[in-house]
Amino acid sequence: MYKHMLAFKGMEYFDARRKPHNVGKIIAALVLTTLCIFVLKQSPGFGGNSVFSRHEPGVTHVLVTGGAGYIGSHASLRLLKDNYRVTIVDNLSRGNMGAVKVLQELFPQPGRLQFIFADLGDQKSVNKIFAENAFDAVMHFAAVAYVGESTLEPLRYYHNITSNTLLILEAMASHGVKTLIYSSTCATYGEPEKMPITEATPQFPINPYGKAKKMAEDIILDFSKSKGADMAVMILRYFNVIGSDPEGRLGEAPRPELREHGRISGACFDAALGVIPGLKVKGTDYPTADGTCIRDYIDVTDLVDAHVKALNKAEPRKVGIYNVGTGRGRSVNEFVDACKKATGVDIKIEYLSRRPGDYAEVYSDPTKINKELNWTAQYTDLKESLSVAWRWQKSHPHGYGEN
């Protein structure tokens, strides 16, 4: 489109100072101008004629919010591999433009992938995006997602997670987009009395991150029940995500200033690379076998597979809620041991007091998702998942090198 526009802007229509009797040249110029406008209008992206702005038989166009982030970029990769049309919307506050560029290089064909820089908290921008694009489904990943940070900045979390989800739903309703795959979390359960966690486990979140996600879930569920909504909704509550693309194209690249709040895998790798002097394990007095927290670690490749299966199974006027986990809990100490083996580095460990808003033990019962979506975690070897992620980290010591 840009090249066409340059050609168009560089044209010489006619010179008004020329003699009026030169009618033939004027008519020729007008004809040529009309032809150029016609060509421009047929070009992708001009005046709403982009392939992204119209529905096409046999093509499913998915809006991936937060698609420049860790999980969102891996989901976008899988969707593109499966021949979906993808639009990524991200404000890059947590995501990486480098991940988007990798995807653009892998799928350069017209009509496969577009990136829109926008903030989902801006209602006008969100409405404009929906007005100018023909989405068939939304995968809503975009969210700040650190438990510790949420206790320090609760209002930010309620705005970013709950309010932004409301704006997405309003835009979907206004523009007739009926399918939503929502990225939720096991943090909505809080600290259940019984393990493992099923989808029927009561939700009593204990930190703003979990509370904001539960509020967003409640809004989605209420809207889906409203008259005329005809929504196909899948809510995926997933556990602690690790790993990276097995082919080494994408990985996790959190911003340096967020290391304190980030995933334990990132901290382990930073310690192994010497970026930080050692790993801080927060909490050794939990009522668990070794005193450290127990979590269910799910590989990102398995996680995005669950999203695609959920998208394929989504049905109008139906809501599916699923836990996405391995069904097995591992302690932080077990995780650190696996990370040491994966990196080959004897990482120094510093034990500290508990992190605010944390809970002792949480792992899933994946029976429902196994049965209804035919999904089972395949990448369950903790050391292997960490080894794959470690290879990417070693080859990308500065992440994607840009934001």
Protein backbone atom coordinates (compact mmCIF):
# COMPACT_ATOMS: atom_id res chain seq x y z
CA MET A 1 0.00 0.00 0.00
CA TYR A 2 2.80 2.42 0.89
CA LYS A 3 4.52 2.01 -2.47
CA HIS A 4 1.21 2.63 -4.23
CA MET A 5 0.68 5.75 -2.18
CA LEU A 6 4.15 7.06 -3.04
CA ALA A 7 3.45 6.52 -6.69
CA PHE A 8 0.11 8.23 -6.34
CA LYS A 9 1.46 11.23 -4.47
CA GLY A 10 4.30 11.62 -6.95
CA MET A 11 2.01 11.85 -9.99
CA GLU A 12 1.69 15.05 -11.93
CA TYR A 13 -1.98 15.54 -12.74
CA PHE A 14 -1.82 18.76 -14.68
CA ASP A 15 -0.53 22.24 -14.26
CA ALA A 16 -3.25 24.80 -13.72
CA ARG A 17 -1.03 27.44 -15.33
CA ARG A 18 -1.09 25.66 -18.68
CA LYS A 19 -3.27 26.97 -21.47
CA PRO A 20 -6.89 25.84 -21.21
CA HIS A 21 -6.91 24.76 -24.88
CA ASN A 22 -4.68 21.79 -23.99
CA VAL A 23 -7.82 19.73 -23.31
CA GLY A 24 -6.42 16.39 -24.53
CA LYS A 25 -3.60 16.35 -21.98
CA ILE A 26 -5.96 17.33 -19.20
CA ILE A 27 -8.39 14.53 -20.06
CA ALA A 28 -5.52 12.02 -20.25
CA ALA A 29 -4.28 13.13 -16.85
CA LEU A 30 -7.76 12.81 -15.34
CA VAL A 31 -8.18 9.33 -16.80
CA LEU A 32 -4.81 8.30 -15.41
CA THR A 33 -5.68 9.76 -12.01
CA THR A 34 -8.96 7.84 -11.95
CA LEU A 35 -7.08 4.66 -12.85
CA CYS A 36 -4.57 5.24 -10.03
CA ILE A 37 -7.37 5.76 -7.51
CA PHE A 38 -9.01 2.54 -8.68
CA VAL A 39 -5.73 0.63 -8.27
CA LEU A 40 -5.23 2.11 -4.82
CA LYS A 41 -8.70 1.09 -3.76
CA GLN A 42 -7.94 -2.48 -4.73
CA SER A 43 -4.74 -2.44 -2.68
CA PRO A 44 -4.71 -4.16 0.73
CA GLY A 45 -5.33 -1.73 3.53
CA PHE A 46 -6.92 1.05 1.50
CA GLY A 47 -10.27 2.37 2.66
CA GLY A 48 -11.36 -0.81 4.42
CA ASN A 49 -10.51 -3.11 1.50
CA SER A 50 -7.85 -4.95 3.46
CA VAL A 51 -8.42 -8.70 3.67
CA PHE A 52 -8.44 -8.19 7.43
CA SER A 53 -11.55 -6.03 7.10
CA ARG A 54 -13.78 -8.67 5.54
CA HIS A 55 -14.93 -12.15 6.42
CA GLU A 56 -13.84 -14.89 4.06
CA PRO A 57 -15.29 -18.39 3.76
CA GLY A 58 -12.95 -20.98 5.25
CA VAL A 59 -10.80 -18.38 7.01
CA THR A 60 -11.05 -17.73 10.75
CA HIS A 61 -9.72 -14.32 11.76
CA VAL A 62 -8.59 -14.24 15.40
CA LEU A 63 -7.83 -11.10 17.38
CA VAL A 64 -5.02 -11.93 19.81
CA THR A 65 -4.79 -9.28 22.50
CA GLY A 66 -1.37 -9.17 24.15
CA GLY A 67 0.03 -11.14 21.22
CA ALA A 68 3.47 -9.60 21.63
CA GLY A 69 3.78 -11.10 25.11
CA TYR A 70 5.19 -14.44 26.21
CA ILE A 71 2.05 -16.57 26.01
CA GLY A 72 0.28 -14.46 23.38
CA SER A 73 3.16 -14.69 20.91
CA HIS A 74 3.33 -18.47 21.27
CA ALA A 75 -0.45 -18.66 20.74
CA SER A 76 -0.13 -16.46 17.64
CA LEU A 77 2.57 -18.74 16.27
CA ARG A 78 0.38 -21.80 16.72
CA LEU A 79 -2.65 -20.09 15.14
CA LEU A 80 -0.59 -19.00 12.14
CA LYS A 81 0.84 -22.50 11.74
CA ASP A 82 -2.74 -23.78 11.73
CA ASN A 83 -3.69 -21.31 8.96
CA TYR A 84 -5.72 -18.88 11.01
CA ARG A 85 -5.65 -15.19 10.11
CA VAL A 86 -4.23 -13.27 13.06
CA THR A 87 -4.37 -9.68 14.24
CA ILE A 88 -2.17 -8.88 17.22
CA VAL A 89 -3.05 -5.87 19.36
CA ASP A 90 -0.51 -4.87 22.00
CA ASN A 91 0.68 -1.66 23.63
CA LEU A 92 4.14 -3.20 24.21
CA SER A 93 4.12 -2.26 27.89
CA ARG A 94 4.96 -5.89 28.66
CA GLY A 95 5.25 -7.43 25.20
CA ASN A 96 8.14 -7.36 22.76
CA MET A 97 8.09 -6.05 19.21
CA GLY A 98 10.90 -8.49 18.55
CA ALA A 99 8.47 -11.39 18.98
CA VAL A 100 6.07 -9.81 16.48
CA LYS A 101 8.92 -9.37 13.97
CA VAL A 102 9.79 -13.05 14.29
CA LEU A 103 6.19 -13.92 13.45
CA GLN A 104 6.12 -11.44 10.55
CA GLU A 105 9.27 -13.01 9.09
CA LEU A 106 7.84 -16.52 9.46
CA PHE A 107 4.48 -15.57 7.89
CA PRO A 108 5.09 -12.72 5.42
CA GLN A 109 2.23 -13.64 3.09
CA PRO A 110 -0.47 -10.95 2.71
CA GLY A 111 -3.52 -11.51 4.84
CA ARG A 112 -1.85 -13.76 7.40
CA LEU A 113 -0.74 -11.44 10.20
CA GLN A 114 -1.10 -7.81 11.13
CA PHE A 115 0.10 -5.93 14.19
CA ILE A 116 -1.75 -2.97 15.70
CA PHE A 117 -0.12 -0.86 18.38
CA ALA A 118 -2.91 0.18 20.73
CA ASP A 119 -3.92 0.34 24.37
CA LEU A 120 -6.99 -1.71 25.25
CA GLY A 121 -7.85 0.81 27.94
CA ASP A 122 -8.60 3.38 25.23
CA GLN A 123 -12.25 2.88 24.29
CA LYS A 124 -12.01 4.85 21.02
CA SER A 125 -9.02 2.81 19.88
CA VAL A 126 -10.72 -0.47 20.74
CA ASN A 127 -13.88 0.49 18.84
CA LYS A 128 -11.83 1.64 15.85
CA ILE A 129 -9.98 -1.68 15.75
CA PHE A 130 -13.23 -3.64 15.77
CA ALA A 131 -14.85 -1.32 13.22
CA GLU A 132 -11.96 -1.68 10.76
CA ASN A 133 -11.44 -5.44 11.11
CA ALA A 134 -13.68 -8.46 10.61
CA PHE A 135 -12.91 -10.67 13.58
CA ASP A 136 -14.39 -14.12 13.97
CA ALA A 137 -13.00 -14.71 17.47
CA VAL A 138 -11.02 -13.06 20.23
CA MET A 139 -8.26 -14.63 22.31
CA HIS A 140 -7.85 -12.23 25.19
CA PHE A 141 -4.40 -12.60 26.75
CA ALA A 142 -3.52 -8.96 27.39
CA ALA A 143 -3.02 -8.39 31.11
CA VAL A 144 -0.50 -7.49 33.75
CA ALA A 145 0.11 -10.78 35.51
CA TYR A 146 2.35 -10.72 38.56
CA VAL A 147 0.93 -11.62 41.97
CA GLY A 148 3.48 -9.63 43.94
CA GLU A 149 3.11 -6.53 41.77
CA SER A 150 -0.68 -6.71 42.10
CA THR A 151 -0.42 -6.28 45.88
CA LEU A 152 1.68 -3.15 45.34
CA GLU A 153 -0.42 -1.66 42.52
CA PRO A 154 -3.96 -3.02 42.93
CA LEU A 155 -5.73 -0.22 41.04
CA ARG A 156 -3.53 -0.81 38.03
CA TYR A 157 -4.54 -4.45 38.01
CA TYR A 158 -8.27 -3.74 38.25
CA HIS A 159 -8.01 -1.21 35.41
CA ASN A 160 -5.82 -3.37 33.20
CA ILE A 161 -7.60 -6.68 33.69
CA THR A 162 -11.21 -6.00 34.67
CA SER A 163 -11.91 -2.66 32.96
CA ASN A 164 -10.10 -3.58 29.75
CA THR A 165 -12.01 -6.86 29.50
CA LEU A 166 -15.24 -4.90 29.82
CA LEU A 167 -14.20 -2.66 26.90
CA ILE A 168 -13.37 -5.72 24.80
CA LEU A 169 -16.80 -7.22 25.52
CA GLU A 170 -18.56 -3.97 24.65
CA ALA A 171 -16.70 -3.81 21.34
CA MET A 172 -17.50 -7.46 20.61
CA ALA A 173 -21.19 -6.79 21.30
CA SER A 174 -21.23 -3.67 19.09
CA HIS A 175 -19.56 -5.41 16.16
CA GLY A 176 -21.13 -8.84 16.33
CA VAL A 177 -18.07 -10.85 17.37
CA LYS A 178 -19.47 -13.86 19.19
CA THR A 179 -16.52 -16.08 20.20
CA LEU A 180 -14.23 -15.37 23.16
CA ILE A 181 -11.37 -17.46 24.50
CA TYR A 182 -10.43 -15.87 27.82
CA SER A 183 -7.06 -16.22 29.49
CA SER A 184 -7.77 -16.67 33.19
CA THR A 185 -5.80 -18.11 36.07
CA CYS A 186 -5.78 -20.53 38.95
CA ALA A 187 -5.25 -17.45 41.14
CA THR A 188 -9.04 -17.02 41.07
CA TYR A 189 -9.28 -20.02 43.41
CA GLY A 190 -7.11 -18.47 46.10
CA GLU A 191 -5.97 -21.10 48.60
CA PRO A 192 -8.47 -23.99 48.44
CA GLU A 193 -8.92 -26.34 51.35
CA LYS A 194 -8.77 -29.42 49.13
CA MET A 195 -6.41 -30.50 46.37
CA PRO A 196 -6.41 -31.00 43.46
CA ILE A 197 -8.40 -28.04 42.15
CA THR A 198 -11.40 -28.80 39.96
CA GLU A 199 -13.51 -26.31 38.04
CA ALA A 200 -16.10 -26.62 40.83
CA THR A 201 -13.63 -25.55 43.52
CA PRO A 202 -14.93 -22.33 45.16
CA GLN A 203 -13.22 -19.17 43.98
CA PHE A 204 -11.87 -17.05 46.83
CA PRO A 205 -8.90 -15.15 45.39
CA ILE A 206 -6.50 -13.66 47.93
CA ASN A 207 -4.60 -11.12 45.81
CA PRO A 208 -5.65 -8.31 43.43
CA TYR A 209 -4.45 -10.26 40.40
CA GLY A 210 -6.76 -13.18 41.16
CA LYS A 211 -9.59 -10.88 42.20
CA ALA A 212 -9.36 -8.81 39.01
CA LYS A 213 -9.42 -11.97 36.88
CA LYS A 214 -12.42 -13.34 38.76
CA MET A 215 -14.28 -10.05 38.29
CA ALA A 216 -13.54 -10.25 34.56
CA GLU A 217 -14.82 -13.84 34.50
CA ASP A 218 -18.03 -12.77 36.25
CA ILE A 219 -18.60 -9.98 33.73
CA ILE A 220 -18.05 -12.40 30.83
CA LEU A 221 -20.46 -14.95 32.33
CA ASP A 222 -23.15 -12.35 33.03
CA PHE A 223 -22.88 -10.96 29.50
CA SER A 224 -22.99 -14.42 27.93
CA LYS A 225 -26.33 -15.04 29.66
CA SER A 226 -27.91 -11.82 28.45
CA LYS A 227 -30.64 -11.88 25.82
CA GLY A 228 -29.33 -11.92 22.28
CA ALA A 229 -25.69 -12.29 23.26
CA ASP A 230 -25.37 -15.73 21.59
CA MET A 231 -21.82 -15.91 22.89
CA ALA A 232 -19.45 -18.86 22.52
CA VAL A 233 -17.20 -18.54 25.58
CA MET A 234 -14.23 -20.56 26.76
CA ILE A 235 -12.52 -19.58 30.02
CA LEU A 236 -9.15 -21.24 30.58
CA ARG A 237 -7.76 -21.08 34.10
CA TYR A 238 -4.17 -22.02 33.85
CA PHE A 239 -1.41 -22.66 36.25
CA ASN A 240 2.31 -21.74 36.24
CA VAL A 241 3.58 -21.41 32.68
CA ILE A 242 7.09 -22.45 31.69
CA GLY A 243 9.00 -23.44 28.56
CA SER A 244 9.23 -21.96 25.08
CA ASP A 245 8.84 -22.82 21.41
CA PRO A 246 10.63 -26.17 20.84
CA GLU A 247 12.08 -24.88 17.57
CA GLY A 248 13.69 -21.91 19.30
CA ARG A 249 11.84 -19.14 17.48
CA LEU A 250 10.20 -17.55 20.53
CA GLY A 251 10.91 -17.36 24.24
CA GLU A 252 10.20 -15.45 27.42
CA ALA A 253 11.77 -12.00 27.59
CA PRO A 254 10.47 -10.05 30.60
CA ARG A 255 11.59 -6.48 31.04
CA PRO A 256 14.57 -6.05 33.39
CA GLU A 257 12.63 -3.82 35.76
CA LEU A 258 10.08 -6.59 36.28
CA ARG A 259 12.53 -9.31 37.26
CA GLU A 260 11.61 -8.97 40.90
CA HIS A 261 8.00 -9.89 40.12
CA GLY A 262 8.57 -12.31 37.26
CA ARG A 263 8.24 -16.06 36.87
CA ILE A 264 10.60 -18.29 38.77
CA SER A 265 11.95 -19.74 35.50
CA GLY A 266 13.12 -16.29 34.42
CA ALA A 267 14.81 -15.72 37.76
CA CYS A 268 16.52 -19.12 37.55
CA PHE A 269 17.86 -18.33 34.08
CA ASP A 270 19.01 -14.86 35.14
CA ALA A 271 20.92 -16.44 38.01
CA ALA A 272 22.44 -19.06 35.68
CA LEU A 273 23.50 -16.32 33.23
CA GLY A 274 25.01 -14.23 36.02
CA VAL A 275 22.58 -11.36 35.44
CA ILE A 276 21.67 -11.59 39.12
CA PRO A 277 23.89 -13.06 41.86
CA GLY A 278 21.48 -15.84 42.79
CA LEU A 279 17.91 -16.98 43.11
CA LYS A 280 15.66 -15.70 45.89
CA VAL A 281 13.23 -18.32 47.17
CA LYS A 282 10.45 -16.59 49.05
CA GLY A 283 8.90 -18.68 51.76
CA THR A 284 10.27 -21.82 53.41
CA ASP A 285 7.68 -22.27 56.16
CA TYR A 286 4.65 -23.31 54.14
CA PRO A 287 2.79 -26.46 55.26
CA THR A 288 4.35 -28.56 52.47
CA ALA A 289 6.84 -31.45 52.48
CA ASP A 290 9.91 -29.22 52.08
CA GLY A 291 8.41 -25.91 53.29
CA THR A 292 8.37 -24.27 49.84
CA CYS A 293 5.33 -23.53 47.67
CA ILE A 294 3.89 -26.24 45.46
CA ARG A 295 2.76 -25.33 41.96
CA ASP A 296 1.53 -27.02 38.78
CA TYR A 297 3.96 -26.12 35.98
CA ILE A 298 2.40 -26.18 32.50
CA ASP A 299 4.51 -25.95 29.33
CA VAL A 300 3.55 -23.03 27.06
CA THR A 301 3.30 -25.37 24.05
CA ASP A 302 0.67 -27.42 25.86
CA LEU A 303 -1.09 -24.26 26.98
CA VAL A 304 -1.51 -22.84 23.48
CA ASP A 305 -2.69 -26.25 22.28
CA ALA A 306 -5.47 -26.00 24.88
CA HIS A 307 -6.44 -22.58 23.50
CA VAL A 308 -6.68 -23.85 19.93
CA LYS A 309 -8.72 -26.87 21.01
CA ALA A 310 -11.00 -24.53 22.99
CA LEU A 311 -11.45 -22.31 19.93
CA ASN A 312 -12.36 -25.30 17.78
CA LYS A 313 -14.89 -26.54 20.34
CA ALA A 314 -16.50 -23.18 21.14
CA GLU A 315 -20.26 -23.20 20.49
CA PRO A 316 -22.85 -20.40 20.47
CA ARG A 317 -24.81 -19.98 23.72
CA LYS A 318 -22.41 -22.26 25.56
CA VAL A 319 -19.73 -21.54 28.16
CA GLY A 320 -16.79 -23.83 28.84
CA ILE A 321 -14.60 -23.37 31.91
CA TYR A 322 -11.43 -25.44 32.14
CA ASN A 323 -8.36 -25.83 34.30
CA VAL A 324 -5.20 -26.15 32.21
CA GLY A 325 -2.50 -27.96 34.15
CA THR A 326 -0.59 -31.20 34.37
CA GLY A 327 -2.41 -32.45 37.47
CA ARG A 328 0.87 -32.71 39.36
CA GLY A 329 2.31 -30.29 41.90
CA ARG A 330 6.04 -29.64 42.27
CA SER A 331 7.69 -27.67 45.05
CA VAL A 332 9.87 -24.64 44.44
CA ASN A 333 12.86 -26.66 45.64
CA GLU A 334 12.08 -29.35 43.07
CA PHE A 335 11.82 -26.68 40.41
CA VAL A 336 15.19 -25.18 41.37
CA ASP A 337 16.85 -28.60 41.23
CA ALA A 338 15.43 -29.16 37.74
CA CYS A 339 16.63 -25.72 36.67
CA LYS A 340 20.15 -26.45 37.93
CA LYS A 341 20.19 -29.66 35.87
CA ALA A 342 18.78 -27.94 32.78
CA THR A 343 21.32 -25.10 32.87
CA GLY A 344 24.27 -27.03 34.25
CA VAL A 345 24.86 -24.18 36.70
CA ASP A 346 24.98 -24.57 40.48
CA ILE A 347 22.72 -21.60 41.14
CA LYS A 348 23.16 -19.84 44.46
CA ILE A 349 19.96 -19.82 46.52
CA GLU A 350 18.91 -17.18 49.05
CA TYR A 351 15.92 -18.04 51.22
CA LEU A 352 13.65 -15.17 52.21
CA SER A 353 10.30 -14.61 53.94
CA ARG A 354 7.02 -15.24 52.15
CA ARG A 355 5.87 -13.08 49.26
CA PRO A 356 2.64 -11.13 49.99
CA GLY A 357 -0.45 -12.65 48.42
CA ASP A 358 1.09 -16.08 47.85
CA TYR A 359 -0.41 -19.42 48.82
CA ALA A 360 1.10 -22.72 49.88
CA GLU A 361 -0.13 -25.32 47.41
CA VAL A 362 -2.04 -25.35 44.16
CA TYR A 363 -2.31 -27.91 41.40
CA SER A 364 -5.03 -28.90 38.99
CA ASP A 365 -7.35 -31.74 38.25
CA PRO A 366 -7.39 -31.70 34.41
CA THR A 367 -10.07 -34.40 34.08
CA LYS A 368 -12.69 -32.07 32.56
CA ILE A 369 -10.47 -30.63 29.83
CA ASN A 370 -9.12 -34.13 29.07
CA LYS A 371 -12.65 -35.42 28.58
CA GLU A 372 -14.40 -32.50 26.86
CA LEU A 373 -11.61 -31.01 24.73
CA ASN A 374 -9.49 -34.13 24.28
CA TRP A 375 -6.55 -32.20 25.70
CA THR A 376 -3.76 -33.67 27.81
CA ALA A 377 -0.44 -32.10 28.75
CA GLN A 378 2.33 -33.66 26.67
CA TYR A 379 5.38 -31.75 27.91
CA THR A 380 5.43 -32.82 31.54
CA ASP A 381 9.16 -33.37 32.08
CA LEU A 382 10.15 -30.33 34.13
CA LYS A 383 13.85 -30.55 33.28
CA GLU A 384 13.14 -30.94 29.55
CA SER A 385 10.79 -27.94 29.42
CA LEU A 386 13.38 -25.85 31.24
CA SER A 387 16.13 -27.13 28.93
CA VAL A 388 14.19 -25.96 25.87
CA ALA A 389 13.62 -22.54 27.43
CA TRP A 390 17.25 -22.37 28.53
CA ARG A 391 18.50 -22.87 24.95
CA TRP A 392 16.50 -19.83 23.87
CA GLN A 393 17.71 -17.78 26.83
CA LYS A 394 21.36 -18.60 26.13
CA SER A 395 21.03 -17.58 22.50
CA HIS A 396 19.06 -14.44 23.44
CA PRO A 397 20.82 -13.08 26.55
CA HIS A 398 19.22 -9.67 25.95
CA GLY A 399 15.81 -11.03 25.00
CA TYR A 400 14.72 -9.96 21.54
CA GLY A 401 17.19 -7.09 21.65
CA GLU A 402 14.47 -4.47 21.36
CA ASN A 403 10.97 -3.63 22.59
